[in-house]
N, C-alpha and C. Protein backbone atom coordinates (compact mmCIF):
# COMPACT_ATOMS: atom_id res chain seq x y z
N MET A 1 127.71 94.33 73.80
CA MET A 1 127.99 94.30 75.22
C MET A 1 128.96 93.14 75.48
N ASN A 2 129.96 93.38 76.31
CA ASN A 2 130.94 92.32 76.56
C ASN A 2 130.45 91.32 77.60
N GLN A 3 131.16 90.22 77.72
CA GLN A 3 130.74 89.14 78.60
C GLN A 3 130.68 89.58 80.06
N LYS A 4 131.63 90.37 80.50
CA LYS A 4 131.64 90.83 81.89
C LYS A 4 130.40 91.66 82.21
N ALA A 5 130.03 92.55 81.31
CA ALA A 5 128.83 93.37 81.52
C ALA A 5 127.58 92.50 81.57
N LEU A 6 127.51 91.49 80.71
CA LEU A 6 126.36 90.58 80.72
C LEU A 6 126.29 89.81 82.04
N GLU A 7 127.44 89.37 82.52
CA GLU A 7 127.48 88.64 83.80
C GLU A 7 127.08 89.54 84.96
N GLN A 8 127.48 90.81 84.92
CA GLN A 8 127.09 91.75 85.97
C GLN A 8 125.58 91.98 85.97
N MET A 9 125.01 92.09 84.78
CA MET A 9 123.56 92.26 84.68
C MET A 9 122.85 91.03 85.23
N ARG A 10 123.34 89.84 84.87
CA ARG A 10 122.75 88.59 85.36
C ARG A 10 122.79 88.56 86.89
N ASP A 11 123.94 88.93 87.46
CA ASP A 11 124.08 88.92 88.92
C ASP A 11 123.16 89.95 89.57
N PHE A 12 123.00 91.10 88.94
CA PHE A 12 122.09 92.13 89.44
C PHE A 12 120.65 91.60 89.49
N TYR A 13 120.22 90.94 88.42
CA TYR A 13 118.88 90.37 88.39
C TYR A 13 118.71 89.27 89.43
N ALA A 14 119.74 88.47 89.64
CA ALA A 14 119.68 87.40 90.64
C ALA A 14 119.50 87.98 92.04
N VAL A 15 120.18 89.07 92.34
CA VAL A 15 120.03 89.73 93.63
C VAL A 15 118.60 90.25 93.79
N ASN A 16 118.05 90.80 92.73
CA ASN A 16 116.68 91.32 92.78
C ASN A 16 115.65 90.21 92.95
N ILE A 17 115.92 89.05 92.38
CA ILE A 17 115.03 87.90 92.58
C ILE A 17 115.04 87.51 94.05
N LYS A 18 116.22 87.44 94.64
CA LYS A 18 116.33 87.09 96.06
C LYS A 18 115.59 88.11 96.92
N TYR A 19 115.73 89.39 96.59
CA TYR A 19 115.02 90.43 97.33
C TYR A 19 113.51 90.24 97.23
N ALA A 20 113.01 89.97 96.04
CA ALA A 20 111.57 89.77 95.84
C ALA A 20 111.08 88.54 96.61
N GLU A 21 111.87 87.48 96.61
CA GLU A 21 111.50 86.27 97.37
C GLU A 21 111.46 86.58 98.86
N ASP A 22 112.44 87.34 99.33
CA ASP A 22 112.46 87.72 100.75
C ASP A 22 111.27 88.60 101.10
N MET A 23 110.89 89.49 100.20
CA MET A 23 109.73 90.36 100.46
C MET A 23 108.44 89.53 100.53
N ILE A 24 108.29 88.54 99.66
CA ILE A 24 107.10 87.68 99.72
C ILE A 24 107.05 86.98 101.07
N GLU A 25 108.17 86.44 101.50
CA GLU A 25 108.22 85.76 102.80
C GLU A 25 107.89 86.73 103.94
N PHE A 26 108.45 87.93 103.88
CA PHE A 26 108.20 88.96 104.89
C PHE A 26 106.71 89.32 104.95
N LEU A 27 106.13 89.57 103.79
CA LEU A 27 104.71 89.95 103.73
C LEU A 27 103.82 88.87 104.33
N LYS A 28 104.11 87.63 104.00
CA LYS A 28 103.29 86.53 104.50
C LYS A 28 103.52 86.27 105.99
N LYS A 29 104.78 86.34 106.41
CA LYS A 29 105.10 86.03 107.80
C LYS A 29 104.59 87.10 108.76
N TYR A 30 104.84 88.34 108.43
CA TYR A 30 104.49 89.43 109.35
C TYR A 30 103.19 90.15 108.98
N ARG A 31 102.60 89.75 107.84
CA ARG A 31 101.35 90.36 107.38
C ARG A 31 101.45 91.89 107.39
N TRP A 32 102.58 92.38 106.89
CA TRP A 32 102.87 93.80 106.87
C TRP A 32 102.08 94.47 105.75
N VAL A 33 101.34 95.52 106.09
CA VAL A 33 100.50 96.21 105.11
C VAL A 33 100.73 97.71 105.25
N SER A 34 100.88 98.34 104.11
CA SER A 34 100.99 99.80 104.07
C SER A 34 99.97 100.30 103.05
N LYS A 35 98.99 101.03 103.53
CA LYS A 35 97.97 101.55 102.62
C LYS A 35 97.45 102.88 103.15
N ALA A 36 96.81 103.60 102.27
CA ALA A 36 96.23 104.90 102.63
C ALA A 36 95.11 104.70 103.65
N LEU A 37 94.90 105.69 104.47
CA LEU A 37 93.86 105.60 105.49
C LEU A 37 92.47 105.37 104.91
N ASP A 38 92.22 105.90 103.72
CA ASP A 38 90.89 105.74 103.12
C ASP A 38 90.80 104.51 102.19
N ASP A 39 91.83 103.69 102.17
CA ASP A 39 91.83 102.47 101.36
C ASP A 39 90.93 101.44 102.04
N GLN A 40 89.88 101.04 101.36
CA GLN A 40 88.88 100.15 101.94
C GLN A 40 89.18 98.67 101.73
N ARG A 41 90.27 98.37 101.03
CA ARG A 41 90.58 96.96 100.80
C ARG A 41 91.03 96.30 102.10
N SER A 42 90.78 94.99 102.18
CA SER A 42 91.23 94.25 103.36
C SER A 42 92.75 94.10 103.33
N ASP A 43 93.31 93.81 104.48
CA ASP A 43 94.75 93.57 104.55
C ASP A 43 95.14 92.41 103.64
N ASP A 44 94.31 91.38 103.60
CA ASP A 44 94.60 90.23 102.75
C ASP A 44 94.67 90.62 101.27
N GLU A 45 93.77 91.48 100.84
CA GLU A 45 93.78 91.93 99.45
C GLU A 45 95.08 92.67 99.12
N VAL A 46 95.50 93.54 100.02
CA VAL A 46 96.71 94.32 99.79
C VAL A 46 97.93 93.40 99.80
N ILE A 47 97.99 92.48 100.75
CA ILE A 47 99.11 91.54 100.82
C ILE A 47 99.16 90.70 99.55
N ASN A 48 98.02 90.18 99.12
CA ASN A 48 97.99 89.36 97.91
C ASN A 48 98.43 90.15 96.68
N GLU A 49 98.03 91.40 96.61
CA GLU A 49 98.45 92.25 95.50
C GLU A 49 99.97 92.45 95.51
N GLN A 50 100.53 92.69 96.68
CA GLN A 50 101.98 92.87 96.80
C GLN A 50 102.73 91.58 96.47
N VAL A 51 102.21 90.45 96.95
CA VAL A 51 102.85 89.16 96.65
C VAL A 51 102.84 88.91 95.15
N GLU A 52 101.72 89.16 94.49
CA GLU A 52 101.63 88.95 93.04
C GLU A 52 102.58 89.89 92.29
N MET A 53 102.71 91.12 92.76
CA MET A 53 103.63 92.05 92.13
C MET A 53 105.06 91.51 92.21
N HIS A 54 105.45 90.99 93.37
CA HIS A 54 106.79 90.44 93.52
C HIS A 54 106.97 89.17 92.69
N ARG A 55 105.93 88.37 92.57
CA ARG A 55 106.02 87.18 91.71
C ARG A 55 106.22 87.57 90.24
N ARG A 56 105.54 88.62 89.81
CA ARG A 56 105.75 89.09 88.43
C ARG A 56 107.17 89.58 88.23
N LEU A 57 107.71 90.28 89.24
CA LEU A 57 109.10 90.72 89.16
C LEU A 57 110.04 89.52 89.03
N ILE A 58 109.79 88.49 89.83
CA ILE A 58 110.61 87.28 89.77
C ILE A 58 110.53 86.66 88.39
N ASP A 59 109.34 86.56 87.83
CA ASP A 59 109.17 86.00 86.48
C ASP A 59 109.94 86.83 85.45
N ASN A 60 109.80 88.14 85.53
CA ASN A 60 110.49 89.02 84.57
C ASN A 60 112.01 88.93 84.71
N TYR A 61 112.49 88.96 85.94
CA TYR A 61 113.94 88.85 86.14
C TYR A 61 114.45 87.48 85.71
N SER A 62 113.66 86.44 85.94
CA SER A 62 114.07 85.09 85.52
C SER A 62 114.19 85.00 84.00
N ARG A 63 113.24 85.58 83.29
CA ARG A 63 113.33 85.60 81.82
C ARG A 63 114.55 86.38 81.36
N SER A 64 114.82 87.50 82.02
CA SER A 64 115.99 88.29 81.66
C SER A 64 117.28 87.51 81.90
N ILE A 65 117.34 86.81 83.02
CA ILE A 65 118.53 85.99 83.30
C ILE A 65 118.70 84.92 82.25
N SER A 66 117.62 84.29 81.86
CA SER A 66 117.67 83.26 80.83
C SER A 66 118.24 83.82 79.52
N MET A 67 117.75 84.98 79.12
CA MET A 67 118.26 85.61 77.89
C MET A 67 119.73 85.99 78.04
N LEU A 68 120.10 86.50 79.20
CA LEU A 68 121.50 86.86 79.43
C LEU A 68 122.39 85.63 79.40
N GLU A 69 121.92 84.53 79.99
CA GLU A 69 122.69 83.29 79.97
C GLU A 69 122.96 82.84 78.54
N THR A 70 121.95 82.97 77.70
CA THR A 70 122.11 82.60 76.28
C THR A 70 123.17 83.48 75.64
N ARG A 71 123.11 84.78 75.89
CA ARG A 71 124.09 85.70 75.31
C ARG A 71 125.49 85.45 75.87
N ILE A 72 125.58 85.10 77.15
CA ILE A 72 126.88 84.83 77.76
C ILE A 72 127.50 83.58 77.12
N ARG A 73 126.70 82.53 76.95
CA ARG A 73 127.21 81.31 76.30
C ARG A 73 127.65 81.60 74.87
N ALA A 74 126.90 82.43 74.18
CA ALA A 74 127.25 82.76 72.79
C ALA A 74 128.53 83.58 72.72
N ALA A 75 128.81 84.35 73.75
CA ALA A 75 130.01 85.20 73.77
C ALA A 75 131.27 84.43 74.12
N GLN A 76 131.11 83.24 74.64
CA GLN A 76 132.29 82.45 75.05
C GLN A 76 132.97 81.78 73.89
């Protein structure tokens, strides 16, 4: 993979990290919950689950960016 493609992937992951961070802020600020009518979990449980999912995405994207940065430096 060439350097430009690696940089594009890095930028794509960075945008997704920002989106996940914005979603965490949105969930906490507006306490927005979407669940099935028969879902018995509390709103807090659903929000916490969604926040944790976005944190895992941030962790995964951060690791990917780190690996891409290494490959980009090696390609220079």
